[in-house]
Amino acid sequence: MLFKRGKKEPVIDMPCDKRAFKKIIEENKVVVVDFWARWCFPCIIYSRYFKKAASRLADKALFVKVNVGECYSIAKKYNIFGVPTTIIFVNGEPVRRIMGLMSGETLVNIVKMYLK
């Protein structure tokens, strides 16, 4: 595992490095990525739900945030045209894309489908 979360923080803020991002999604079985922007009010609201889901599933999946304004090349690679967008990667491959807000409980239930 490339990144290890501290006990206090269940979500990793992704540095803008395509190689590091690729390594993260390939070396972890399930990775949940929140593509967001600082100017996006729904993203700020969703951030709380994303963090709650990350806390509940911290030992089962890796939760990562990618700022599309700073990490344009990563956002472009995954065709992020609107934020917030959540992509779930399993074994390095994107398996689910969710656009817009959802509750933490909904996100937990969706991620659980890929933990088997």
N, C-alpha and C. Protein backbone atom coordinates (compact mmCIF):
# COMPACT_ATOMS: atom_id res chain seq x y z
N MET A 1 0.85 -1.18 0.00
CA MET A 1 0.00 0.00 0.00
C MET A 1 0.90 1.24 0.00
N LEU A 2 0.69 2.12 -0.93
CA LEU A 2 1.53 3.30 -1.07
C LEU A 2 1.29 4.32 0.04
N PHE A 3 0.02 4.62 0.31
CA PHE A 3 -0.30 5.60 1.33
C PHE A 3 -0.95 4.90 2.50
N LYS A 4 -0.55 5.27 3.69
CA LYS A 4 -1.21 4.76 4.88
C LYS A 4 -1.88 5.93 5.56
N ARG A 5 -3.13 5.74 5.91
CA ARG A 5 -3.87 6.79 6.59
C ARG A 5 -3.46 6.84 8.05
N GLY A 6 -3.47 8.04 8.58
CA GLY A 6 -3.29 8.17 10.01
C GLY A 6 -4.59 7.85 10.70
N LYS A 7 -4.54 7.61 11.98
CA LYS A 7 -5.77 7.27 12.72
C LYS A 7 -6.75 8.43 12.72
N LYS A 8 -6.26 9.67 12.61
CA LYS A 8 -7.13 10.83 12.69
C LYS A 8 -7.80 11.15 11.35
N GLU A 9 -7.16 10.84 10.25
CA GLU A 9 -7.66 11.25 8.96
C GLU A 9 -7.97 10.05 8.06
N PRO A 10 -9.26 9.79 7.78
CA PRO A 10 -9.63 8.63 6.97
C PRO A 10 -9.53 8.87 5.46
N VAL A 11 -9.30 10.13 5.04
CA VAL A 11 -9.27 10.48 3.63
C VAL A 11 -7.91 11.04 3.26
N ILE A 12 -7.38 10.60 2.12
CA ILE A 12 -6.09 11.10 1.64
C ILE A 12 -6.33 12.19 0.61
N ASP A 13 -5.65 13.33 0.76
CA ASP A 13 -5.68 14.37 -0.26
C ASP A 13 -4.58 14.03 -1.26
N MET A 14 -4.98 13.74 -2.48
CA MET A 14 -4.06 13.25 -3.50
C MET A 14 -3.16 14.35 -4.02
N PRO A 15 -1.84 14.11 -4.01
CA PRO A 15 -0.96 15.06 -4.68
C PRO A 15 -1.16 14.94 -6.19
N CYS A 16 -0.84 15.99 -6.92
CA CYS A 16 -1.06 16.02 -8.37
C CYS A 16 0.07 15.32 -9.11
N ASP A 17 0.07 14.02 -9.01
CA ASP A 17 1.10 13.21 -9.64
C ASP A 17 0.42 11.99 -10.25
N LYS A 18 0.36 11.94 -11.58
CA LYS A 18 -0.35 10.84 -12.25
C LYS A 18 0.25 9.48 -11.90
N ARG A 19 1.56 9.42 -11.78
CA ARG A 19 2.19 8.13 -11.45
C ARG A 19 1.82 7.68 -10.05
N ALA A 20 1.81 8.61 -9.10
CA ALA A 20 1.44 8.27 -7.73
C ALA A 20 -0.02 7.84 -7.67
N PHE A 21 -0.89 8.53 -8.42
CA PHE A 21 -2.31 8.17 -8.44
C PHE A 21 -2.48 6.77 -9.00
N LYS A 22 -1.80 6.49 -10.11
CA LYS A 22 -1.88 5.16 -10.72
C LYS A 22 -1.43 4.08 -9.74
N LYS A 23 -0.36 4.37 -9.03
CA LYS A 23 0.17 3.41 -8.05
C LYS A 23 -0.84 3.15 -6.93
N ILE A 24 -1.48 4.21 -6.47
CA ILE A 24 -2.48 4.08 -5.41
C ILE A 24 -3.63 3.18 -5.85
N ILE A 25 -4.18 3.44 -7.05
CA ILE A 25 -5.34 2.65 -7.47
C ILE A 25 -4.97 1.22 -7.84
N GLU A 26 -3.72 1.00 -8.21
CA GLU A 26 -3.30 -0.36 -8.56
C GLU A 26 -2.90 -1.19 -7.34
N GLU A 27 -2.38 -0.54 -6.30
CA GLU A 27 -1.87 -1.27 -5.14
C GLU A 27 -2.91 -1.48 -4.04
N ASN A 28 -4.08 -0.92 -4.21
CA ASN A 28 -5.16 -1.09 -3.23
C ASN A 28 -6.34 -1.72 -3.93
N LYS A 29 -6.95 -2.71 -3.29
CA LYS A 29 -8.04 -3.45 -3.92
C LYS A 29 -9.21 -2.54 -4.29
N VAL A 30 -9.71 -1.76 -3.32
CA VAL A 30 -10.84 -0.85 -3.57
C VAL A 30 -10.42 0.56 -3.19
N VAL A 31 -10.53 1.47 -4.15
CA VAL A 31 -10.19 2.88 -3.93
C VAL A 31 -11.39 3.72 -4.35
N VAL A 32 -11.84 4.59 -3.47
CA VAL A 32 -12.98 5.47 -3.73
C VAL A 32 -12.42 6.88 -3.87
N VAL A 33 -12.63 7.48 -5.04
CA VAL A 33 -12.03 8.79 -5.33
C VAL A 33 -13.12 9.84 -5.50
N ASP A 34 -12.98 10.91 -4.74
CA ASP A 34 -13.88 12.07 -4.83
C ASP A 34 -13.17 13.14 -5.64
N PHE A 35 -13.65 13.42 -6.85
CA PHE A 35 -13.14 14.52 -7.65
C PHE A 35 -13.96 15.75 -7.28
N TRP A 36 -13.29 16.80 -6.83
CA TRP A 36 -13.97 17.97 -6.28
C TRP A 36 -13.24 19.24 -6.70
N ALA A 37 -13.82 20.40 -6.34
CA ALA A 37 -13.20 21.71 -6.59
C ALA A 37 -13.51 22.62 -5.41
N ARG A 38 -12.58 23.52 -5.13
CA ARG A 38 -12.75 24.46 -4.01
C ARG A 38 -13.96 25.38 -4.19
N TRP A 39 -14.27 25.76 -5.42
CA TRP A 39 -15.35 26.69 -5.69
C TRP A 39 -16.73 26.02 -5.72
N CYS A 40 -16.77 24.72 -5.59
CA CYS A 40 -18.00 23.95 -5.74
C CYS A 40 -18.69 23.75 -4.39
N PHE A 41 -19.81 24.46 -4.19
CA PHE A 41 -20.52 24.36 -2.92
C PHE A 41 -21.04 22.94 -2.66
N PRO A 42 -21.65 22.25 -3.65
CA PRO A 42 -22.05 20.86 -3.39
C PRO A 42 -20.88 19.97 -2.98
N CYS A 43 -19.68 20.25 -3.51
CA CYS A 43 -18.49 19.47 -3.14
C CYS A 43 -18.17 19.64 -1.65
N ILE A 44 -18.34 20.83 -1.15
CA ILE A 44 -18.06 21.11 0.26
C ILE A 44 -19.04 20.33 1.14
N ILE A 45 -20.31 20.32 0.75
CA ILE A 45 -21.31 19.55 1.49
C ILE A 45 -20.99 18.05 1.41
N TYR A 46 -20.71 17.58 0.21
CA TYR A 46 -20.42 16.15 -0.01
C TYR A 46 -19.18 15.71 0.75
N SER A 47 -18.25 16.60 0.95
CA SER A 47 -17.00 16.27 1.66
C SER A 47 -17.28 15.67 3.03
N ARG A 48 -18.28 16.19 3.72
CA ARG A 48 -18.64 15.65 5.05
C ARG A 48 -19.15 14.22 4.94
N TYR A 49 -19.99 13.96 3.95
CA TYR A 49 -20.54 12.62 3.76
C TYR A 49 -19.45 11.64 3.34
N PHE A 50 -18.56 12.10 2.47
CA PHE A 50 -17.45 11.27 1.99
C PHE A 50 -16.55 10.87 3.16
N LYS A 51 -16.29 11.83 4.03
CA LYS A 51 -15.44 11.57 5.20
C LYS A 51 -16.10 10.58 6.16
N LYS A 52 -17.40 10.70 6.35
CA LYS A 52 -18.12 9.76 7.22
C LYS A 52 -18.06 8.35 6.65
N ALA A 53 -18.27 8.22 5.34
CA ALA A 53 -18.19 6.90 4.70
C ALA A 53 -16.77 6.35 4.84
N ALA A 54 -15.78 7.20 4.66
CA ALA A 54 -14.38 6.78 4.79
C ALA A 54 -14.09 6.28 6.19
N SER A 55 -14.63 6.94 7.19
CA SER A 55 -14.43 6.51 8.58
C SER A 55 -15.04 5.14 8.82
N ARG A 56 -16.21 4.91 8.24
CA ARG A 56 -16.89 3.61 8.43
C ARG A 56 -16.19 2.46 7.72
N LEU A 57 -15.55 2.75 6.60
CA LEU A 57 -14.94 1.69 5.79
C LEU A 57 -13.40 1.79 5.73
N ALA A 58 -12.82 2.48 6.70
CA ALA A 58 -11.39 2.76 6.67
C ALA A 58 -10.52 1.52 6.58
N ASP A 59 -10.93 0.42 7.16
CA ASP A 59 -10.11 -0.79 7.12
C ASP A 59 -10.40 -1.66 5.90
N LYS A 60 -11.35 -1.23 5.04
CA LYS A 60 -11.75 -2.05 3.90
C LYS A 60 -11.47 -1.42 2.55
N ALA A 61 -11.45 -0.09 2.49
CA ALA A 61 -11.23 0.62 1.22
C ALA A 61 -10.42 1.88 1.50
N LEU A 62 -9.75 2.36 0.46
CA LEU A 62 -8.98 3.59 0.56
C LEU A 62 -9.80 4.73 -0.03
N PHE A 63 -9.93 5.83 0.67
CA PHE A 63 -10.70 6.99 0.21
C PHE A 63 -9.74 8.13 -0.10
N VAL A 64 -9.87 8.69 -1.31
CA VAL A 64 -8.94 9.69 -1.82
C VAL A 64 -9.73 10.86 -2.39
N LYS A 65 -9.22 12.09 -2.17
CA LYS A 65 -9.82 13.28 -2.76
C LYS A 65 -8.85 13.85 -3.79
N VAL A 66 -9.39 14.22 -4.97
CA VAL A 66 -8.58 14.83 -6.02
C VAL A 66 -9.21 16.18 -6.37
N ASN A 67 -8.46 17.24 -6.17
CA ASN A 67 -8.92 18.58 -6.51
C ASN A 67 -8.72 18.78 -8.02
N VAL A 68 -9.82 18.89 -8.76
CA VAL A 68 -9.73 18.97 -10.22
C VAL A 68 -9.09 20.27 -10.71
N GLY A 69 -9.16 21.31 -9.90
CA GLY A 69 -8.52 22.57 -10.27
C GLY A 69 -7.00 22.50 -10.21
N GLU A 70 -6.50 21.71 -9.29
CA GLU A 70 -5.06 21.56 -9.13
C GLU A 70 -4.52 20.36 -9.89
N CYS A 71 -5.31 19.33 -10.03
CA CYS A 71 -4.88 18.06 -10.64
C CYS A 71 -5.62 17.83 -11.96
N TYR A 72 -5.49 18.78 -12.84
CA TYR A 72 -6.23 18.74 -14.10
C TYR A 72 -5.92 17.49 -14.92
N SER A 73 -4.67 17.07 -14.94
CA SER A 73 -4.30 15.93 -15.78
C SER A 73 -4.98 14.63 -15.32
N ILE A 74 -5.14 14.47 -14.01
CA ILE A 74 -5.82 13.28 -13.50
C ILE A 74 -7.32 13.36 -13.83
N ALA A 75 -7.90 14.55 -13.62
CA ALA A 75 -9.32 14.74 -13.93
C ALA A 75 -9.59 14.52 -15.41
N LYS A 76 -8.69 14.99 -16.26
CA LYS A 76 -8.86 14.83 -17.70
C LYS A 76 -8.79 13.36 -18.10
N LYS A 77 -7.87 12.62 -17.50
CA LYS A 77 -7.71 11.20 -17.83
C LYS A 77 -9.00 10.42 -17.58
N TYR A 78 -9.74 10.81 -16.53
CA TYR A 78 -10.97 10.09 -16.18
C TYR A 78 -12.23 10.83 -16.62
N ASN A 79 -12.07 11.78 -17.55
CA ASN A 79 -13.20 12.50 -18.14
C ASN A 79 -14.14 13.10 -17.10
N ILE A 80 -13.56 13.84 -16.17
CA ILE A 80 -14.36 14.51 -15.15
C ILE A 80 -14.82 15.85 -15.72
N PHE A 81 -16.12 15.96 -15.98
CA PHE A 81 -16.68 17.18 -16.55
C PHE A 81 -17.56 17.93 -15.56
N GLY A 82 -17.90 17.31 -14.45
CA GLY A 82 -18.71 17.94 -13.42
C GLY A 82 -18.27 17.45 -12.07
N VAL A 83 -18.44 18.28 -11.08
CA VAL A 83 -18.07 17.90 -9.71
C VAL A 83 -19.25 18.17 -8.77
N PRO A 84 -19.38 17.39 -7.72
CA PRO A 84 -18.53 16.27 -7.36
C PRO A 84 -18.83 15.04 -8.23
N THR A 85 -17.77 14.31 -8.52
CA THR A 85 -17.87 13.01 -9.18
C THR A 85 -17.08 12.03 -8.36
N THR A 86 -17.67 10.89 -8.08
CA THR A 86 -17.00 9.84 -7.32
C THR A 86 -16.78 8.66 -8.26
N ILE A 87 -15.55 8.14 -8.27
CA ILE A 87 -15.25 6.95 -9.05
C ILE A 87 -14.72 5.89 -8.09
N ILE A 88 -15.25 4.69 -8.22
CA ILE A 88 -14.77 3.55 -7.43
C ILE A 88 -13.88 2.70 -8.34
N PHE A 89 -12.66 2.46 -7.87
CA PHE A 89 -11.70 1.63 -8.59
C PHE A 89 -11.56 0.31 -7.85
N VAL A 90 -11.57 -0.79 -8.60
CA VAL A 90 -11.32 -2.10 -8.03
C VAL A 90 -10.16 -2.72 -8.81
N ASN A 91 -9.11 -3.07 -8.09
CA ASN A 91 -7.91 -3.63 -8.71
C ASN A 91 -7.39 -2.74 -9.84
N GLY A 92 -7.43 -1.43 -9.63
CA GLY A 92 -6.87 -0.48 -10.59
C GLY A 92 -7.79 -0.05 -11.71
N GLU A 93 -8.98 -0.64 -11.80
CA GLU A 93 -9.91 -0.32 -12.89
C GLU A 93 -11.14 0.42 -12.36
N PRO A 94 -11.58 1.47 -13.06
CA PRO A 94 -12.81 2.15 -12.64
C PRO A 94 -14.02 1.24 -12.90
N VAL A 95 -14.82 1.02 -11.86
CA VAL A 95 -15.98 0.13 -12.00
C VAL A 95 -17.30 0.85 -11.79
N ARG A 96 -17.25 2.03 -11.21
CA ARG A 96 -18.51 2.77 -10.95
C ARG A 96 -18.21 4.26 -10.90
N ARG A 97 -19.06 5.03 -11.55
CA ARG A 97 -18.96 6.50 -11.56
C ARG A 97 -20.28 7.05 -11.05
N ILE A 98 -20.20 7.95 -10.09
CA ILE A 98 -21.39 8.56 -9.51
C ILE A 98 -21.21 10.06 -9.58
N MET A 99 -22.14 10.74 -10.24
CA MET A 99 -22.06 12.19 -10.34
C MET A 99 -23.04 12.82 -9.36
N GLY A 100 -22.57 13.85 -8.67
CA GLY A 100 -23.42 14.59 -7.76
C GLY A 100 -23.33 14.10 -6.32
N LEU A 101 -24.18 14.71 -5.51
CA LEU A 101 -24.21 14.41 -4.08
C LEU A 101 -24.91 13.10 -3.78
N MET A 102 -24.49 12.49 -2.68
CA MET A 102 -25.21 11.34 -2.12
C MET A 102 -24.89 11.33 -0.63
N SER A 103 -25.70 10.67 0.14
CA SER A 103 -25.46 10.60 1.58
C SER A 103 -24.30 9.66 1.86
N GLY A 104 -23.73 9.78 3.03
CA GLY A 104 -22.66 8.89 3.46
C GLY A 104 -23.14 7.45 3.49
N GLU A 105 -24.37 7.24 3.93
CA GLU A 105 -24.94 5.89 4.01
C GLU A 105 -25.08 5.27 2.61
N THR A 106 -25.52 6.07 1.66
CA THR A 106 -25.64 5.59 0.29
C THR A 106 -24.27 5.20 -0.26
N LEU A 107 -23.28 6.05 -0.03
CA LEU A 107 -21.93 5.75 -0.50
C LEU A 107 -21.39 4.47 0.15
N VAL A 108 -21.61 4.31 1.45
CA VAL A 108 -21.17 3.09 2.14
C VAL A 108 -21.80 1.87 1.50
N ASN A 109 -23.10 1.92 1.24
CA ASN A 109 -23.81 0.78 0.63
C ASN A 109 -23.28 0.46 -0.76
N ILE A 110 -22.98 1.49 -1.55
CA ILE A 110 -22.44 1.27 -2.89
C ILE A 110 -21.05 0.65 -2.81
N VAL A 111 -20.19 1.19 -1.96
CA VAL A 111 -18.82 0.67 -1.84
C VAL A 111 -18.84 -0.78 -1.35
N LYS A 112 -19.74 -1.11 -0.43
CA LYS A 112 -19.83 -2.48 0.08
C LYS A 112 -20.07 -3.50 -1.01
N MET A 113 -20.73 -3.11 -2.10
CA MET A 113 -20.97 -4.03 -3.20
C MET A 113 -19.67 -4.49 -3.86
N TYR A 114 -18.62 -3.68 -3.74
CA TYR A 114 -17.33 -3.99 -4.38
C TYR A 114 -16.30 -4.56 -3.43
N LEU A 115 -16.67 -4.76 -2.19
CA LEU A 115 -15.72 -5.27 -1.19
C LEU A 115 -15.69 -6.79 -1.13
N LYS A 116 -16.55 -7.45 -1.84
CA LYS A 116 -16.65 -8.91 -1.76
C LYS A 116 -15.54 -9.60 -2.50
